[in-house]
Amino acid sequence: MSITHLQSFVAVAEEGHVGRAALRLHITQPPLSRHILALEDELGTPLFERVPKGMRLLPTGEALLQHARRILEEVEVAARTVREAAGASRPPPA
């Protein structure tokens, strides 16, 4: 399960539509759809119901959504902490 797949999943879940999620993520729809399909394949279950006006989370998707949001938040916190530590360890400019 990659960070990119989780970001794609959260965007589609929040937007309810692959096209809008693709715009939000600044990618095209085909790779976004492949990310969702790869995640569903890895988990062995569909996460969305494909409906005429977009995508609706299934109970399996609902179960993953809060975890995915927490994981992505922790990744951001970790990256910010490392950047701050790197800035603190640099000597001041001469």
PDB file of N, CA and C in Angstrom:
ATOM      1  N   MET A   1       0.865  -1.170   0.000  1.00  0.00           N
ATOM      2  CA  MET A   1       0.000   0.000   0.000  1.00  0.00           C
ATOM      3  C   MET A   1       0.908   1.229   0.000  1.00  0.00           C
ATOM      4  N   SER A   2       0.818   2.016  -1.053  1.00  0.00           N
ATOM      5  CA  SER A   2       1.697   3.176  -1.168  1.00  0.00           C
ATOM      6  C   SER A   2       1.003   4.456  -0.699  1.00  0.00           C
ATOM      7  N   ILE A   3       1.811   5.435  -0.387  1.00  0.00           N
ATOM      8  CA  ILE A   3       1.274   6.734  -0.003  1.00  0.00           C
ATOM      9  C   ILE A   3       0.470   7.312  -1.160  1.00  0.00           C
ATOM     10  N   THR A   4       0.964   7.164  -2.373  1.00  0.00           N
ATOM     11  CA  THR A   4       0.249   7.661  -3.550  1.00  0.00           C
ATOM     12  C   THR A   4      -1.125   7.012  -3.667  1.00  0.00           C
ATOM     13  N   HIS A   5      -1.205   5.714  -3.438  1.00  0.00           N
ATOM     14  CA  HIS A   5      -2.497   5.024  -3.505  1.00  0.00           C
ATOM     15  C   HIS A   5      -3.444   5.544  -2.425  1.00  0.00           C
ATOM     16  N   LEU A   6      -2.918   5.773  -1.238  1.00  0.00           N
ATOM     17  CA  LEU A   6      -3.764   6.301  -0.162  1.00  0.00           C
ATOM     18  C   LEU A   6      -4.214   7.729  -0.460  1.00  0.00           C
ATOM     19  N   GLN A   7      -3.316   8.553  -1.002  1.00  0.00           N
ATOM     20  CA  GLN A   7      -3.704   9.913  -1.375  1.00  0.00           C
ATOM     21  C   GLN A   7      -4.804   9.881  -2.444  1.00  0.00           C
ATOM     22  N   SER A   8      -4.658   8.994  -3.396  1.00  0.00           N
ATOM     23  CA  SER A   8      -5.659   8.855  -4.452  1.00  0.00           C
ATOM     24  C   SER A   8      -6.987   8.396  -3.873  1.00  0.00           C
ATOM     25  N   PHE A   9      -6.938   7.418  -3.001  1.00  0.00           N
ATOM     26  CA  PHE A   9      -8.147   6.899  -2.371  1.00  0.00           C
ATOM     27  C   PHE A   9      -8.882   7.998  -1.605  1.00  0.00           C
ATOM     28  N   VAL A  10      -8.157   8.750  -0.780  1.00  0.00           N
ATOM     29  CA  VAL A  10      -8.784   9.807   0.019  1.00  0.00           C
ATOM     30  C   VAL A  10      -9.388  10.873  -0.893  1.00  0.00           C
ATOM     31  N   ALA A  11      -8.690  11.247  -1.934  1.00  0.00           N
ATOM     32  CA  ALA A  11      -9.212  12.265  -2.849  1.00  0.00           C
ATOM     33  C   ALA A  11     -10.502  11.806  -3.518  1.00  0.00           C
ATOM     34  N   VAL A  12     -10.538  10.571  -3.998  1.00  0.00           N
ATOM     35  CA  VAL A  12     -11.758  10.058  -4.635  1.00  0.00           C
ATOM     36  C   VAL A  12     -12.873   9.940  -3.600  1.00  0.00           C
ATOM     37  N   ALA A  13     -12.552   9.487  -2.412  1.00  0.00           N
ATOM     38  CA  ALA A  13     -13.568   9.361  -1.359  1.00  0.00           C
ATOM     39  C   ALA A  13     -14.163  10.716  -1.014  1.00  0.00           C
ATOM     40  N   GLU A  14     -13.318  11.737  -0.910  1.00  0.00           N
ATOM     41  CA  GLU A  14     -13.803  13.065  -0.530  1.00  0.00           C
ATOM     42  C   GLU A  14     -14.513  13.775  -1.671  1.00  0.00           C
ATOM     43  N   GLU A  15     -14.047  13.572  -2.878  1.00  0.00           N
ATOM     44  CA  GLU A  15     -14.661  14.237  -4.034  1.00  0.00           C
ATOM     45  C   GLU A  15     -15.872  13.471  -4.568  1.00  0.00           C
ATOM     46  N   GLY A  16     -15.872  12.147  -4.375  1.00  0.00           N
ATOM     47  CA  GLY A  16     -16.970  11.338  -4.887  1.00  0.00           C
ATOM     48  C   GLY A  16     -16.974  11.200  -6.395  1.00  0.00           C
ATOM     49  N   HIS A  17     -15.854  11.537  -7.012  1.00  0.00           N
ATOM     50  CA  HIS A  17     -15.792  11.548  -8.473  1.00  0.00           C
ATOM     51  C   HIS A  17     -14.327  11.482  -8.894  1.00  0.00           C
ATOM     52  N   VAL A  18     -14.014  10.589  -9.817  1.00  0.00           N
ATOM     53  CA  VAL A  18     -12.622  10.413 -10.243  1.00  0.00           C
ATOM     54  C   VAL A  18     -12.107  11.659 -10.953  1.00  0.00           C
ATOM     55  N   GLY A  19     -12.924  12.263 -11.787  1.00  0.00           N
ATOM     56  CA  GLY A  19     -12.482  13.454 -12.517  1.00  0.00           C
ATOM     57  C   GLY A  19     -12.121  14.604 -11.598  1.00  0.00           C
ATOM     58  N   ARG A  20     -12.966  14.877 -10.625  1.00  0.00           N
ATOM     59  CA  ARG A  20     -12.665  15.963  -9.679  1.00  0.00           C
ATOM     60  C   ARG A  20     -11.450  15.628  -8.820  1.00  0.00           C
ATOM     61  N   ALA A  21     -11.337  14.364  -8.415  1.00  0.00           N
ATOM     62  CA  ALA A  21     -10.169  13.952  -7.624  1.00  0.00           C
ATOM     63  C   ALA A  21      -8.886  14.094  -8.447  1.00  0.00           C
ATOM     64  N   ALA A  22      -8.949  13.741  -9.720  1.00  0.00           N
ATOM     65  CA  ALA A  22      -7.772  13.880 -10.590  1.00  0.00           C
ATOM     66  C   ALA A  22      -7.357  15.348 -10.704  1.00  0.00           C
ATOM     67  N   LEU A  23      -8.323  16.233 -10.867  1.00  0.00           N
ATOM     68  CA  LEU A  23      -8.004  17.670 -10.918  1.00  0.00           C
ATOM     69  C   LEU A  23      -7.346  18.123  -9.616  1.00  0.00           C
ATOM     70  N   ARG A  24      -7.896  17.680  -8.508  1.00  0.00           N
ATOM     71  CA  ARG A  24      -7.363  18.043  -7.192  1.00  0.00           C
ATOM     72  C   ARG A  24      -5.919  17.584  -7.019  1.00  0.00           C
ATOM     73  N   LEU A  25      -5.621  16.387  -7.542  1.00  0.00           N
ATOM     74  CA  LEU A  25      -4.283  15.806  -7.393  1.00  0.00           C
ATOM     75  C   LEU A  25      -3.332  16.201  -8.523  1.00  0.00           C
ATOM     76  N   HIS A  26      -3.850  16.938  -9.506  1.00  0.00           N
ATOM     77  CA  HIS A  26      -3.054  17.374 -10.651  1.00  0.00           C
ATOM     78  C   HIS A  26      -2.504  16.196 -11.448  1.00  0.00           C
ATOM     79  N   ILE A  27      -3.357  15.188 -11.639  1.00  0.00           N
ATOM     80  CA  ILE A  27      -3.014  14.052 -12.498  1.00  0.00           C
ATOM     81  C   ILE A  27      -4.208  13.788 -13.415  1.00  0.00           C
ATOM     82  N   THR A  28      -4.023  12.910 -14.373  1.00  0.00           N
ATOM     83  CA  THR A  28      -5.131  12.560 -15.253  1.00  0.00           C
ATOM     84  C   THR A  28      -5.923  11.398 -14.658  1.00  0.00           C
ATOM     85  N   GLN A  29      -7.113  11.187 -15.211  1.00  0.00           N
ATOM     86  CA  GLN A  29      -7.987  10.154 -14.661  1.00  0.00           C
ATOM     87  C   GLN A  29      -7.448   8.724 -14.795  1.00  0.00           C
ATOM     88  N   PRO A  30      -6.847   8.340 -15.942  1.00  0.00           N
ATOM     89  CA  PRO A  30      -6.404   6.935 -16.058  1.00  0.00           C
ATOM     90  C   PRO A  30      -5.457   6.475 -14.958  1.00  0.00           C
ATOM     91  N   PRO A  31      -4.387   7.242 -14.624  1.00  0.00           N
ATOM     92  CA  PRO A  31      -3.530   6.755 -13.540  1.00  0.00           C
ATOM     93  C   PRO A  31      -4.241   6.750 -12.192  1.00  0.00           C
ATOM     94  N   LEU A  32      -5.124   7.704 -11.967  1.00  0.00           N
ATOM     95  CA  LEU A  32      -5.874   7.728 -10.708  1.00  0.00           C
ATOM     96  C   LEU A  32      -6.745   6.479 -10.600  1.00  0.00           C
ATOM     97  N   SER A  33      -7.417   6.140 -11.672  1.00  0.00           N
ATOM     98  CA  SER A  33      -8.238   4.917 -11.668  1.00  0.00           C
ATOM     99  C   SER A  33      -7.378   3.686 -11.420  1.00  0.00           C
ATOM    100  N   ARG A  34      -6.177   3.664 -12.010  1.00  0.00           N
ATOM    101  CA  ARG A  34      -5.267   2.529 -11.780  1.00  0.00           C
ATOM    102  C   ARG A  34      -4.826   2.461 -10.320  1.00  0.00           C
ATOM    103  N   HIS A  35      -4.613   3.613  -9.680  1.00  0.00           N
ATOM    104  CA  HIS A  35      -4.241   3.615  -8.257  1.00  0.00           C
ATOM    105  C   HIS A  35      -5.350   2.974  -7.421  1.00  0.00           C
ATOM    106  N   ILE A  36      -6.590   3.353  -7.701  1.00  0.00           N
ATOM    107  CA  ILE A  36      -7.724   2.807  -6.944  1.00  0.00           C
ATOM    108  C   ILE A  36      -7.850   1.308  -7.192  1.00  0.00           C
ATOM    109  N   LEU A  37      -7.759   0.909  -8.453  1.00  0.00           N
ATOM    110  CA  LEU A  37      -7.863  -0.523  -8.765  1.00  0.00           C
ATOM    111  C   LEU A  37      -6.730  -1.316  -8.118  1.00  0.00           C
ATOM    112  N   ALA A  38      -5.514  -0.757  -8.102  1.00  0.00           N
ATOM    113  CA  ALA A  38      -4.379  -1.456  -7.476  1.00  0.00           C
ATOM    114  C   ALA A  38      -4.598  -1.601  -5.977  1.00  0.00           C
ATOM    115  N   LEU A  39      -5.124  -0.562  -5.342  1.00  0.00           N
ATOM    116  CA  LEU A  39      -5.391  -0.626  -3.906  1.00  0.00           C
ATOM    117  C   LEU A  39      -6.475  -1.663  -3.617  1.00  0.00           C
ATOM    118  N   GLU A  40      -7.537  -1.657  -4.405  1.00  0.00           N
ATOM    119  CA  GLU A  40      -8.600  -2.643  -4.225  1.00  0.00           C
ATOM    120  C   GLU A  40      -8.072  -4.062  -4.443  1.00  0.00           C
ATOM    121  N   ASP A  41      -7.217  -4.218  -5.448  1.00  0.00           N
ATOM    122  CA  ASP A  41      -6.639  -5.533  -5.720  1.00  0.00           C
ATOM    123  C   ASP A  41      -5.759  -5.985  -4.556  1.00  0.00           C
ATOM    124  N   GLU A  42      -4.951  -5.074  -4.037  1.00  0.00           N
ATOM    125  CA  GLU A  42      -4.076  -5.419  -2.909  1.00  0.00           C
ATOM    126  C   GLU A  42      -4.881  -5.816  -1.681  1.00  0.00           C
ATOM    127  N   LEU A  43      -5.967  -5.107  -1.432  1.00  0.00           N
ATOM    128  CA  LEU A  43      -6.796  -5.397  -0.267  1.00  0.00           C
ATOM    129  C   LEU A  43      -7.770  -6.544  -0.505  1.00  0.00           C
ATOM    130  N   GLY A  44      -7.950  -6.901  -1.760  1.00  0.00           N
ATOM    131  CA  GLY A  44      -8.810  -8.033  -2.087  1.00  0.00           C
ATOM    132  C   GLY A  44     -10.297  -7.743  -1.983  1.00  0.00           C
ATOM    133  N   THR A  45     -10.659  -6.460  -2.081  1.00  0.00           N
ATOM    134  CA  THR A  45     -12.069  -6.098  -1.975  1.00  0.00           C
ATOM    135  C   THR A  45     -12.314  -4.746  -2.632  1.00  0.00           C
ATOM    136  N   PRO A  46     -13.489  -4.552  -3.214  1.00  0.00           N
ATOM    137  CA  PRO A  46     -13.805  -3.217  -3.731  1.00  0.00           C
ATOM    138  C   PRO A  46     -13.982  -2.224  -2.581  1.00  0.00           C
ATOM    139  N   LEU A  47     -13.603  -0.982  -2.835  1.00  0.00           N
ATOM    140  CA  LEU A  47     -13.728   0.084  -1.845  1.00  0.00           C
ATOM    141  C   LEU A  47     -14.836   1.069  -2.218  1.00  0.00           C
ATOM    142  N   PHE A  48     -15.174   1.094  -3.503  1.00  0.00           N
ATOM    143  CA  PHE A  48     -16.164   2.021  -4.022  1.00  0.00           C
ATOM    144  C   PHE A  48     -17.229   1.287  -4.822  1.00  0.00           C
ATOM    145  N   GLU A  49     -18.387   1.866  -4.833  1.00  0.00           N
ATOM    146  CA  GLU A  49     -19.438   1.468  -5.763  1.00  0.00           C
ATOM    147  C   GLU A  49     -19.379   2.475  -6.901  1.00  0.00           C
ATOM    148  N   ARG A  50     -19.286   1.983  -8.113  1.00  0.00           N
ATOM    149  CA  ARG A  50     -19.280   2.869  -9.275  1.00  0.00           C
ATOM    150  C   ARG A  50     -20.736   3.193  -9.594  1.00  0.00           C
ATOM    151  N   VAL A  51     -21.101   4.469  -9.508  1.00  0.00           N
ATOM    152  CA  VAL A  51     -22.463   4.914  -9.765  1.00  0.00           C
ATOM    153  C   VAL A  51     -22.433   5.894 -10.932  1.00  0.00           C
ATOM    154  N   PRO A  52     -23.593   6.138 -11.593  1.00  0.00           N
ATOM    155  CA  PRO A  52     -23.597   7.000 -12.780  1.00  0.00           C
ATOM    156  C   PRO A  52     -22.973   8.375 -12.574  1.00  0.00           C
ATOM    157  N   LYS A  53     -23.114   8.944 -11.402  1.00  0.00           N
ATOM    158  CA  LYS A  53     -22.572  10.291 -11.178  1.00  0.00           C
ATOM    159  C   LYS A  53     -21.254  10.284 -10.410  1.00  0.00           C
ATOM    160  N   GLY A  54     -20.594   9.149 -10.323  1.00  0.00           N
ATOM    161  CA  GLY A  54     -19.306   9.136  -9.638  1.00  0.00           C
ATOM    162  C   GLY A  54     -19.029   7.853  -8.895  1.00  0.00           C
ATOM    163  N   MET A  55     -18.477   8.020  -7.712  1.00  0.00           N
ATOM    164  CA  MET A  55     -18.052   6.888  -6.884  1.00  0.00           C
ATOM    165  C   MET A  55     -18.613   7.083  -5.481  1.00  0.00           C
ATOM    166  N   ARG A  56     -19.124   6.002  -4.912  1.00  0.00           N
ATOM    167  CA  ARG A  56     -19.657   6.034  -3.546  1.00  0.00           C
ATOM    168  C   ARG A  56     -18.887   5.001  -2.729  1.00  0.00           C
ATOM    169  N   LEU A  57     -18.464   5.413  -1.537  1.00  0.00           N
ATOM    170  CA  LEU A  57     -17.733   4.492  -0.664  1.00  0.00           C
ATOM    171  C   LEU A  57     -18.615   3.334  -0.237  1.00  0.00           C
ATOM    172  N   LEU A  58     -18.059   2.156  -0.298  1.00  0.00           N
ATOM    173  CA  LEU A  58     -18.687   0.971   0.282  1.00  0.00           C
ATOM    174  C   LEU A  58     -18.279   0.904   1.753  1.00  0.00           C
ATOM    175  N   PRO A  59     -18.896   0.049   2.550  1.00  0.00           N
ATOM    176  CA  PRO A  59     -18.471  -0.080   3.955  1.00  0.00           C
ATOM    177  C   PRO A  59     -16.975  -0.381   4.100  1.00  0.00           C
ATOM    178  N   THR A  60     -16.421  -1.124   3.158  1.00  0.00           N
ATOM    179  CA  THR A  60     -14.979  -1.400   3.203  1.00  0.00           C
ATOM    180  C   THR A  60     -14.175  -0.118   3.015  1.00  0.00           C
ATOM    181  N   GLY A  61     -14.629   0.747   2.124  1.00  0.00           N
ATOM    182  CA  GLY A  61     -13.970   2.030   1.917  1.00  0.00           C
ATOM    183  C   GLY A  61     -14.107   2.935   3.123  1.00  0.00           C
ATOM    184  N   GLU A  62     -15.291   2.929   3.722  1.00  0.00           N
ATOM    185  CA  GLU A  62     -15.505   3.713   4.949  1.00  0.00           C
ATOM    186  C   GLU A  62     -14.533   3.255   6.037  1.00  0.00           C
ATOM    187  N   ALA A  63     -14.333   1.943   6.128  1.00  0.00           N
ATOM    188  CA  ALA A  63     -13.428   1.395   7.140  1.00  0.00           C
ATOM    189  C   ALA A  63     -11.994   1.858   6.904  1.00  0.00           C
ATOM    190  N   LEU A  64     -11.600   2.003   5.653  1.00  0.00           N
ATOM    191  CA  LEU A  64     -10.234   2.421   5.337  1.00  0.00           C
ATOM    192  C   LEU A  64     -10.035   3.923   5.439  1.00  0.00           C
ATOM    193  N   LEU A  65     -11.063   4.713   5.204  1.00  0.00           N
ATOM    194  CA  LEU A  65     -10.901   6.159   5.061  1.00  0.00           C
ATOM    195  C   LEU A  65     -10.248   6.819   6.269  1.00  0.00           C
ATOM    196  N   GLN A  66     -10.718   6.554   7.461  1.00  0.00           N
ATOM    197  CA  GLN A  66     -10.133   7.205   8.642  1.00  0.00           C
ATOM    198  C   GLN A  66      -8.685   6.777   8.857  1.00  0.00           C
ATOM    199  N   HIS A  67      -8.397   5.513   8.604  1.00  0.00           N
ATOM    200  CA  HIS A  67      -7.013   5.044   8.719  1.00  0.00           C
ATOM    201  C   HIS A  67      -6.132   5.754   7.698  1.00  0.00           C
ATOM    202  N   ALA A  68      -6.608   5.858   6.471  1.00  0.00           N
ATOM    203  CA  ALA A  68      -5.827   6.495   5.405  1.00  0.00           C
ATOM    204  C   ALA A  68      -5.551   7.952   5.752  1.00  0.00           C
ATOM    205  N   ARG A  69      -6.559   8.657   6.250  1.00  0.00           N
ATOM    206  CA  ARG A  69      -6.352  10.060   6.643  1.00  0.00           C
ATOM    207  C   ARG A  69      -5.306  10.172   7.748  1.00  0.00           C
ATOM    208  N   ARG A  70      -5.373   9.290   8.733  1.00  0.00           N
ATOM    209  CA  ARG A  70      -4.396   9.324   9.834  1.00  0.00           C
ATOM    210  C   ARG A  70      -2.992   9.018   9.330  1.00  0.00           C
ATOM    211  N   ILE A  71      -2.876   8.033   8.455  1.00  0.00           N
ATOM    212  CA  ILE A  71      -1.566   7.665   7.908  1.00  0.00           C
ATOM    213  C   ILE A  71      -0.970   8.851   7.159  1.00  0.00           C
ATOM    214  N   LEU A  72      -1.762   9.495   6.311  1.00  0.00           N
ATOM    215  CA  LEU A  72      -1.264  10.626   5.532  1.00  0.00           C
ATOM    216  C   LEU A  72      -0.887  11.800   6.432  1.00  0.00           C
ATOM    217  N   GLU A  73      -1.642  12.013   7.490  1.00  0.00           N
ATOM    218  CA  GLU A  73      -1.305  13.075   8.447  1.00  0.00           C
ATOM    219  C   GLU A  73       0.012  12.754   9.147  1.00  0.00           C
ATOM    220  N   GLU A  74       0.207  11.513   9.546  1.00  0.00           N
ATOM    221  CA  GLU A  74       1.459  11.120  10.207  1.00  0.00           C
ATOM    222  C   GLU A  74       2.653  11.267   9.269  1.00  0.00           C
ATOM    223  N   VAL A  75       2.469  10.949   7.996  1.00  0.00           N
ATOM    224  CA  VAL A  75       3.548  11.125   7.021  1.00  0.00           C
ATOM    225  C   VAL A  75       3.914  12.606   6.925  1.00  0.00           C
ATOM    226  N   GLU A  76       2.913  13.477   6.894  1.00  0.00           N
ATOM    227  CA  GLU A  76       3.169  14.914   6.830  1.00  0.00           C
ATOM    228  C   GLU A  76       3.874  15.401   8.093  1.00  0.00           C
ATOM    229  N   VAL A  77       3.444  14.930   9.246  1.00  0.00           N
ATOM    230  CA  VAL A  77       4.087  15.316  10.507  1.00  0.00           C
ATOM    231  C   VAL A  77       5.547  14.849  10.522  1.00  0.00           C
ATOM    232  N   ALA A  78       5.797  13.641  10.071  1.00  0.00           N
ATOM    233  CA  ALA A  78       7.163  13.120  10.036  1.00  0.00           C
ATOM    234  C   ALA A  78       8.040  13.964   9.111  1.00  0.00           C
ATOM    235  N   ALA A  79       7.529  14.299   7.935  1.00  0.00           N
ATOM    236  CA  ALA A  79       8.301  15.101   6.983  1.00  0.00           C
ATOM    237  C   ALA A  79       8.589  16.487   7.566  1.00  0.00           C
ATOM    238  N   ARG A  80       7.600  17.092   8.203  1.00  0.00           N
ATOM    239  CA  ARG A  80       7.778  18.411   8.804  1.00  0.00           C
ATOM    240  C   ARG A  80       8.815  18.358   9.935  1.00  0.00           C
ATOM    241  N   THR A  81       8.757  17.321  10.756  1.00  0.00           N
ATOM    242  CA  THR A  81       9.703  17.158  11.860  1.00  0.00           C
ATOM    243  C   THR A  81      11.129  17.032  11.353  1.00  0.00           C
ATOM    244  N   VAL A  82      11.306  16.261  10.295  1.00  0.00           N
ATOM    245  CA  VAL A  82      12.644  16.085   9.726  1.00  0.00           C
ATOM    246  C   VAL A  82      13.145  17.399   9.135  1.00  0.00           C
ATOM    247  N   ARG A  83      12.277  18.111   8.418  1.00  0.00           N
ATOM    248  CA  ARG A  83      12.696  19.402   7.854  1.00  0.00           C
ATOM    249  C   ARG A  83      13.086  20.376   8.967  1.00  0.00           C
ATOM    250  N   GLU A  84      12.306  20.402  10.033  1.00  0.00           N
ATOM    251  CA  GLU A  84      12.627  21.283  11.159  1.00  0.00           C
ATOM    252  C   GLU A  84      13.951  20.886  11.808  1.00  0.00           C
ATOM    253  N   ALA A  85      14.164  19.588  11.973  1.00  0.00           N
ATOM    254  CA  ALA A  85      15.415  19.109  12.563  1.00  0.00           C
ATOM    255  C   ALA A  85      16.594  19.461  11.664  1.00  0.00           C
ATOM    256  N   ALA A  86      16.416  19.354  10.374  1.00  0.00           N
ATOM    257  CA  ALA A  86      17.493  19.695   9.436  1.00  0.00           C
ATOM    258  C   ALA A  86      17.808  21.180   9.520  1.00  0.00           C
ATOM    259  N   GLY A  87      16.780  22.009   9.647  1.00  0.00           N
ATOM    260  CA  GLY A  87      16.988  23.445   9.767  1.00  0.00           C
ATOM    261  C   GLY A  87      17.667  23.810  11.066  1.00  0.00           C
ATOM    262  N   ALA A  88      17.351  23.123  12.142  1.00  0.00           N
ATOM    263  CA  ALA A  88      17.934  23.408  13.452  1.00  0.00           C
ATOM    264  C   ALA A  88      19.384  22.968  13.527  1.00  0.00           C
ATOM    265  N   SER A  89      19.770  21.986  12.728  1.00  0.00           N
ATOM    266  CA  SER A  89      21.138  21.474  12.812  1.00  0.00           C
ATOM    267  C   SER A  89      22.085  22.209  11.891  1.00  0.00           C
ATOM    268  N   ARG A  90      21.578  23.107  11.053  1.00  0.00           N
ATOM    269  CA  ARG A  90      22.459  23.861  10.161  1.00  0.00           C
ATOM    270  C   ARG A  90      23.114  25.002  10.933  1.00  0.00           C
ATOM    271  N   PRO A  91      24.383  25.225  10.658  1.00  0.00           N
ATOM    272  CA  PRO A  91      25.046  26.374  11.316  1.00  0.00           C
ATOM    273  C   PRO A  91      24.485  27.670  10.746  1.00  0.00           C
ATOM    274  N   PRO A  92      24.487  28.742  11.524  1.00  0.00           N
ATOM    275  CA  PRO A  92      23.993  30.019  11.018  1.00  0.00           C
ATOM    276  C   PRO A  92      24.891  30.530   9.892  1.00  0.00           C
ATOM    277  N   PRO A  93      24.323  31.295   8.959  1.00  0.00           N
ATOM    278  CA  PRO A  93      25.142  31.824   7.846  1.00  0.00           C
ATOM    279  C   PRO A  93      26.228  32.759   8.371  1.00  0.00           C
ATOM    280  N   ALA A  94      27.368  32.735   7.719  1.00  0.00           N
ATOM    281  CA  ALA A  94      28.508  33.563   8.150  1.00  0.00           C
ATOM    282  C   ALA A  94      28.357  34.984   7.724  1.00  0.00           C
TER     283      ALA A  94
END
